[in-house]
Amino acid sequence: MIGLLTLESPMSLDLYRELRASLATGEPRVLATVADTRGSTPRKAGAQMLLRPDGTFSGTIGGGCGEAEVWQEAMETMADGQPRTVLVDLTEPVDGDDKICGGVMRVFVERIG
């Protein structure tokens, strides 16, 4: 088991396969895992997104501006190798966007490989 990665769904299995292949070739990936949530959020603890060095990714932690915020931090982790926890606050509108969910997620971001 890596982080909270499980083999319960096809998406998780695809992420696991890609991660295993990247480890074999030595190409890094960044794994973003929803660590915990409070209130209404698009995904719950355990949801994952795997980022490639070119910025493309597999999986989802919920989409929208929250996922974009985590993507930005994940690219920083890809560059510097430093794990981080990203607090995604979906309770307040930002720049006129309506954040429908109204909850908060903590997402752990780590480079693997």
N, C-alpha and C. Protein backbone atom coordinates (compact mmCIF):
# COMPACT_ATOMS: atom_id res chain seq x y z
N MET A 1 0.84 -1.18 0.00
CA MET A 1 0.00 0.00 0.00
C MET A 1 0.88 1.24 0.00
N ILE A 2 0.58 2.20 -0.84
CA ILE A 2 1.29 3.47 -0.91
C ILE A 2 0.29 4.54 -0.54
N GLY A 3 0.57 5.29 0.52
CA GLY A 3 -0.40 6.27 0.99
C GLY A 3 -1.69 5.56 1.33
N LEU A 4 -2.79 6.03 0.78
CA LEU A 4 -4.08 5.40 0.99
C LEU A 4 -4.53 4.67 -0.26
N LEU A 5 -3.60 4.37 -1.16
CA LEU A 5 -3.93 3.70 -2.42
C LEU A 5 -4.43 2.29 -2.15
N THR A 6 -5.62 2.00 -2.60
CA THR A 6 -6.18 0.66 -2.46
C THR A 6 -6.52 0.13 -3.83
N LEU A 7 -6.81 -1.13 -3.90
CA LEU A 7 -7.13 -1.75 -5.19
C LEU A 7 -8.62 -2.01 -5.32
N GLU A 8 -9.45 -1.20 -4.68
CA GLU A 8 -10.89 -1.44 -4.65
C GLU A 8 -11.61 -0.97 -5.90
N SER A 9 -11.06 -0.04 -6.65
CA SER A 9 -11.76 0.45 -7.83
C SER A 9 -10.83 0.41 -9.04
N PRO A 10 -11.38 0.34 -10.25
CA PRO A 10 -10.53 0.32 -11.44
C PRO A 10 -9.62 1.54 -11.53
N MET A 11 -10.10 2.72 -11.11
CA MET A 11 -9.27 3.90 -11.16
C MET A 11 -8.06 3.72 -10.25
N SER A 12 -8.26 3.22 -9.05
CA SER A 12 -7.15 2.99 -8.14
C SER A 12 -6.17 1.99 -8.72
N LEU A 13 -6.67 0.96 -9.38
CA LEU A 13 -5.80 -0.04 -9.99
C LEU A 13 -4.98 0.59 -11.11
N ASP A 14 -5.58 1.45 -11.91
CA ASP A 14 -4.85 2.15 -12.96
C ASP A 14 -3.76 3.04 -12.37
N LEU A 15 -4.07 3.74 -11.29
CA LEU A 15 -3.07 4.59 -10.64
C LEU A 15 -1.92 3.73 -10.12
N TYR A 16 -2.25 2.62 -9.51
CA TYR A 16 -1.24 1.71 -8.98
C TYR A 16 -0.34 1.21 -10.10
N ARG A 17 -0.92 0.80 -11.20
CA ARG A 17 -0.13 0.30 -12.33
C ARG A 17 0.81 1.37 -12.89
N GLU A 18 0.29 2.58 -13.03
CA GLU A 18 1.13 3.65 -13.54
C GLU A 18 2.26 3.98 -12.57
N LEU A 19 1.94 4.00 -11.30
CA LEU A 19 2.96 4.29 -10.29
C LEU A 19 4.04 3.22 -10.30
N ARG A 20 3.64 1.97 -10.38
CA ARG A 20 4.60 0.86 -10.42
C ARG A 20 5.49 0.98 -11.65
N ALA A 21 4.92 1.28 -12.80
CA ALA A 21 5.70 1.43 -14.04
C ALA A 21 6.67 2.60 -13.93
N SER A 22 6.24 3.70 -13.34
CA SER A 22 7.12 4.87 -13.22
C SER A 22 8.29 4.57 -12.28
N LEU A 23 8.04 3.81 -11.24
CA LEU A 23 9.12 3.42 -10.33
C LEU A 23 10.14 2.54 -11.05
N ALA A 24 9.66 1.66 -11.92
CA ALA A 24 10.54 0.77 -12.66
C ALA A 24 11.44 1.55 -13.63
N THR A 25 10.93 2.64 -14.19
CA THR A 25 11.70 3.42 -15.16
C THR A 25 12.45 4.59 -14.52
N GLY A 26 12.15 4.87 -13.26
CA GLY A 26 12.82 5.96 -12.56
C GLY A 26 12.23 7.33 -12.84
N GLU A 27 11.08 7.39 -13.49
CA GLU A 27 10.43 8.68 -13.75
C GLU A 27 9.53 9.02 -12.58
N PRO A 28 9.70 10.21 -11.98
CA PRO A 28 8.92 10.55 -10.79
C PRO A 28 7.44 10.79 -11.09
N ARG A 29 6.66 10.62 -10.07
CA ARG A 29 5.24 10.98 -10.07
C ARG A 29 4.97 11.70 -8.76
N VAL A 30 3.90 12.45 -8.73
CA VAL A 30 3.44 13.07 -7.49
C VAL A 30 2.06 12.52 -7.20
N LEU A 31 1.89 12.01 -5.99
CA LEU A 31 0.63 11.45 -5.56
C LEU A 31 -0.04 12.44 -4.61
N ALA A 32 -1.25 12.85 -4.94
CA ALA A 32 -2.04 13.74 -4.08
C ALA A 32 -3.20 12.91 -3.53
N THR A 33 -3.28 12.84 -2.20
CA THR A 33 -4.29 12.01 -1.54
C THR A 33 -5.11 12.87 -0.58
N VAL A 34 -6.42 12.82 -0.71
CA VAL A 34 -7.28 13.51 0.25
C VAL A 34 -7.10 12.82 1.59
N ALA A 35 -6.53 13.55 2.55
CA ALA A 35 -6.24 12.98 3.87
C ALA A 35 -7.47 13.00 4.77
N ASP A 36 -8.17 14.12 4.77
CA ASP A 36 -9.42 14.19 5.53
C ASP A 36 -10.28 15.32 5.01
N THR A 37 -11.54 15.25 5.38
CA THR A 37 -12.50 16.26 4.92
C THR A 37 -13.38 16.68 6.09
N ARG A 38 -13.95 17.86 5.92
CA ARG A 38 -14.93 18.36 6.89
C ARG A 38 -16.03 19.03 6.10
N GLY A 39 -17.25 18.71 6.39
CA GLY A 39 -18.37 19.28 5.65
C GLY A 39 -18.55 18.59 4.31
N SER A 40 -19.23 19.28 3.42
CA SER A 40 -19.53 18.72 2.10
C SER A 40 -18.37 18.98 1.15
N THR A 41 -17.79 17.90 0.61
CA THR A 41 -16.68 18.00 -0.33
C THR A 41 -16.94 17.08 -1.52
N PRO A 42 -16.34 17.38 -2.68
CA PRO A 42 -16.61 16.56 -3.86
C PRO A 42 -16.09 15.13 -3.76
N ARG A 43 -15.01 14.92 -3.01
CA ARG A 43 -14.46 13.58 -2.80
C ARG A 43 -14.13 13.45 -1.32
N LYS A 44 -14.05 12.22 -0.86
CA LYS A 44 -13.78 11.95 0.55
C LYS A 44 -12.35 11.46 0.74
N ALA A 45 -11.96 11.23 1.98
CA ALA A 45 -10.61 10.76 2.31
C ALA A 45 -10.29 9.51 1.50
N GLY A 46 -9.07 9.49 0.97
CA GLY A 46 -8.62 8.36 0.16
C GLY A 46 -8.64 8.63 -1.33
N ALA A 47 -9.39 9.63 -1.78
CA ALA A 47 -9.41 9.96 -3.21
C ALA A 47 -8.01 10.40 -3.62
N GLN A 48 -7.60 10.02 -4.84
CA GLN A 48 -6.23 10.29 -5.26
C GLN A 48 -6.12 10.79 -6.68
N MET A 49 -5.04 11.53 -6.90
CA MET A 49 -4.69 12.04 -8.21
C MET A 49 -3.18 11.84 -8.36
N LEU A 50 -2.76 11.29 -9.50
CA LEU A 50 -1.35 11.01 -9.77
C LEU A 50 -0.89 11.92 -10.90
N LEU A 51 0.11 12.76 -10.61
CA LEU A 51 0.61 13.73 -11.59
C LEU A 51 1.92 13.27 -12.21
N ARG A 52 2.04 13.57 -13.51
CA ARG A 52 3.25 13.26 -14.27
C ARG A 52 4.11 14.52 -14.39
N PRO A 53 5.40 14.36 -14.73
CA PRO A 53 6.27 15.54 -14.84
C PRO A 53 5.77 16.60 -15.82
N ASP A 54 5.03 16.20 -16.86
CA ASP A 54 4.52 17.18 -17.83
C ASP A 54 3.24 17.89 -17.38
N GLY A 55 2.76 17.56 -16.18
CA GLY A 55 1.57 18.21 -15.64
C GLY A 55 0.26 17.50 -15.90
N THR A 56 0.28 16.48 -16.76
CA THR A 56 -0.93 15.69 -16.96
C THR A 56 -1.14 14.80 -15.75
N PHE A 57 -2.35 14.29 -15.58
CA PHE A 57 -2.62 13.49 -14.39
C PHE A 57 -3.69 12.45 -14.65
N SER A 58 -3.75 11.51 -13.72
CA SER A 58 -4.80 10.48 -13.69
C SER A 58 -5.50 10.60 -12.35
N GLY A 59 -6.76 10.20 -12.33
CA GLY A 59 -7.52 10.27 -11.09
C GLY A 59 -8.03 11.66 -10.83
N THR A 60 -8.74 11.81 -9.73
CA THR A 60 -9.30 13.12 -9.38
C THR A 60 -9.49 13.22 -7.88
N ILE A 61 -9.35 14.42 -7.38
CA ILE A 61 -9.68 14.68 -5.99
C ILE A 61 -10.89 15.59 -5.90
N GLY A 62 -11.57 15.81 -7.03
CA GLY A 62 -12.81 16.56 -6.99
C GLY A 62 -13.04 17.55 -8.10
N GLY A 63 -12.01 17.89 -8.86
CA GLY A 63 -12.19 18.81 -9.96
C GLY A 63 -12.28 20.26 -9.52
N GLY A 64 -12.47 21.12 -10.48
CA GLY A 64 -12.69 22.54 -10.23
C GLY A 64 -11.48 23.26 -9.65
N CYS A 65 -11.76 24.39 -9.00
CA CYS A 65 -10.69 25.23 -8.50
C CYS A 65 -9.91 24.58 -7.37
N GLY A 66 -10.56 23.73 -6.58
CA GLY A 66 -9.85 23.02 -5.51
C GLY A 66 -8.79 22.09 -6.07
N GLU A 67 -9.15 21.34 -7.12
CA GLU A 67 -8.19 20.44 -7.74
C GLU A 67 -7.08 21.24 -8.42
N ALA A 68 -7.40 22.37 -9.00
CA ALA A 68 -6.39 23.22 -9.64
C ALA A 68 -5.39 23.74 -8.60
N GLU A 69 -5.87 24.07 -7.43
CA GLU A 69 -5.00 24.54 -6.34
C GLU A 69 -4.03 23.42 -5.93
N VAL A 70 -4.54 22.21 -5.81
CA VAL A 70 -3.69 21.07 -5.45
C VAL A 70 -2.72 20.76 -6.58
N TRP A 71 -3.18 20.85 -7.83
CA TRP A 71 -2.30 20.61 -8.98
C TRP A 71 -1.09 21.56 -8.93
N GLN A 72 -1.35 22.83 -8.64
CA GLN A 72 -0.27 23.82 -8.57
C GLN A 72 0.75 23.43 -7.51
N GLU A 73 0.28 23.05 -6.34
CA GLU A 73 1.18 22.63 -5.26
C GLU A 73 1.90 21.33 -5.62
N ALA A 74 1.21 20.43 -6.31
CA ALA A 74 1.81 19.17 -6.72
C ALA A 74 2.96 19.40 -7.70
N MET A 75 2.82 20.38 -8.58
CA MET A 75 3.89 20.70 -9.51
C MET A 75 5.10 21.27 -8.77
N GLU A 76 4.85 22.01 -7.69
CA GLU A 76 5.94 22.48 -6.83
C GLU A 76 6.65 21.29 -6.19
N THR A 77 5.88 20.32 -5.73
CA THR A 77 6.46 19.12 -5.14
C THR A 77 7.26 18.34 -6.18
N MET A 78 6.77 18.30 -7.40
CA MET A 78 7.52 17.63 -8.47
C MET A 78 8.88 18.30 -8.63
N ALA A 79 8.91 19.62 -8.55
CA ALA A 79 10.15 20.37 -8.76
C ALA A 79 11.11 20.28 -7.57
N ASP A 80 10.58 20.40 -6.36
CA ASP A 80 11.49 20.48 -5.20
C ASP A 80 11.55 19.22 -4.35
N GLY A 81 10.65 18.26 -4.60
CA GLY A 81 10.67 17.01 -3.86
C GLY A 81 10.12 17.07 -2.45
N GLN A 82 9.65 18.24 -2.04
CA GLN A 82 9.17 18.42 -0.68
C GLN A 82 7.69 18.05 -0.55
N PRO A 83 7.36 17.12 0.35
CA PRO A 83 5.94 16.82 0.57
C PRO A 83 5.27 18.03 1.22
N ARG A 84 3.98 18.14 1.01
CA ARG A 84 3.23 19.24 1.61
C ARG A 84 1.78 18.81 1.81
N THR A 85 1.13 19.53 2.68
CA THR A 85 -0.30 19.35 2.89
C THR A 85 -0.98 20.62 2.40
N VAL A 86 -1.98 20.43 1.54
CA VAL A 86 -2.70 21.56 0.96
C VAL A 86 -4.09 21.62 1.59
N LEU A 87 -4.44 22.76 2.14
CA LEU A 87 -5.77 22.97 2.69
C LEU A 87 -6.64 23.57 1.60
N VAL A 88 -7.67 22.85 1.20
CA VAL A 88 -8.58 23.31 0.15
C VAL A 88 -9.89 23.72 0.83
N ASP A 89 -10.12 25.02 0.87
CA ASP A 89 -11.30 25.57 1.53
C ASP A 89 -12.37 25.87 0.48
N LEU A 90 -13.43 25.10 0.50
CA LEU A 90 -14.51 25.24 -0.48
C LEU A 90 -15.72 25.96 0.13
N THR A 91 -15.46 26.76 1.16
CA THR A 91 -16.57 27.43 1.85
C THR A 91 -16.81 28.85 1.41
N GLU A 92 -15.80 29.49 0.82
CA GLU A 92 -15.93 30.90 0.45
C GLU A 92 -15.73 31.07 -1.04
N PRO A 93 -16.56 31.87 -1.71
CA PRO A 93 -16.34 32.16 -3.12
C PRO A 93 -15.04 32.95 -3.31
N VAL A 94 -14.33 32.66 -4.39
CA VAL A 94 -13.08 33.35 -4.70
C VAL A 94 -13.20 33.92 -6.11
N ASP A 95 -12.92 35.19 -6.26
CA ASP A 95 -12.97 35.85 -7.58
C ASP A 95 -14.29 35.59 -8.31
N GLY A 96 -15.38 35.61 -7.58
CA GLY A 96 -16.69 35.45 -8.20
C GLY A 96 -17.10 34.01 -8.44
N ASP A 97 -16.21 33.05 -8.18
CA ASP A 97 -16.57 31.64 -8.36
C ASP A 97 -17.41 31.17 -7.19
N ASP A 98 -18.44 30.43 -7.47
CA ASP A 98 -19.27 29.86 -6.42
C ASP A 98 -18.75 28.47 -6.09
N LYS A 99 -18.21 28.31 -4.91
CA LYS A 99 -17.72 27.01 -4.47
C LYS A 99 -18.90 26.28 -3.85
N ILE A 100 -19.52 25.44 -4.64
CA ILE A 100 -20.78 24.82 -4.31
C ILE A 100 -20.72 23.92 -3.07
N CYS A 101 -19.63 23.19 -2.89
CA CYS A 101 -19.58 22.14 -1.87
C CYS A 101 -19.72 22.67 -0.44
N GLY A 102 -18.92 23.65 -0.08
CA GLY A 102 -19.04 24.25 1.24
C GLY A 102 -18.23 23.58 2.33
N GLY A 103 -17.32 22.65 2.00
CA GLY A 103 -16.52 21.98 3.01
C GLY A 103 -15.04 22.31 2.86
N VAL A 104 -14.22 21.54 3.58
CA VAL A 104 -12.78 21.73 3.60
C VAL A 104 -12.12 20.36 3.44
N MET A 105 -11.06 20.31 2.60
CA MET A 105 -10.28 19.08 2.43
C MET A 105 -8.82 19.38 2.75
N ARG A 106 -8.16 18.42 3.39
CA ARG A 106 -6.71 18.46 3.52
C ARG A 106 -6.17 17.40 2.58
N VAL A 107 -5.23 17.80 1.72
CA VAL A 107 -4.68 16.90 0.70
C VAL A 107 -3.18 16.78 0.90
N PHE A 108 -2.71 15.55 1.10
CA PHE A 108 -1.28 15.29 1.27
C PHE A 108 -0.68 15.04 -0.11
N VAL A 109 0.41 15.75 -0.40
CA VAL A 109 1.06 15.70 -1.71
C VAL A 109 2.50 15.22 -1.51
N GLU A 110 2.89 14.16 -2.25
CA GLU A 110 4.25 13.61 -2.09
C GLU A 110 4.80 13.14 -3.43
N ARG A 111 6.09 13.37 -3.63
CA ARG A 111 6.76 12.89 -4.83
C ARG A 111 7.22 11.45 -4.58
N ILE A 112 7.00 10.61 -5.57
CA ILE A 112 7.41 9.21 -5.48
C ILE A 112 8.30 8.92 -6.66
N GLY A 113 9.49 8.45 -6.39
CA GLY A 113 10.44 8.11 -7.44
C GLY A 113 11.43 9.20 -7.70
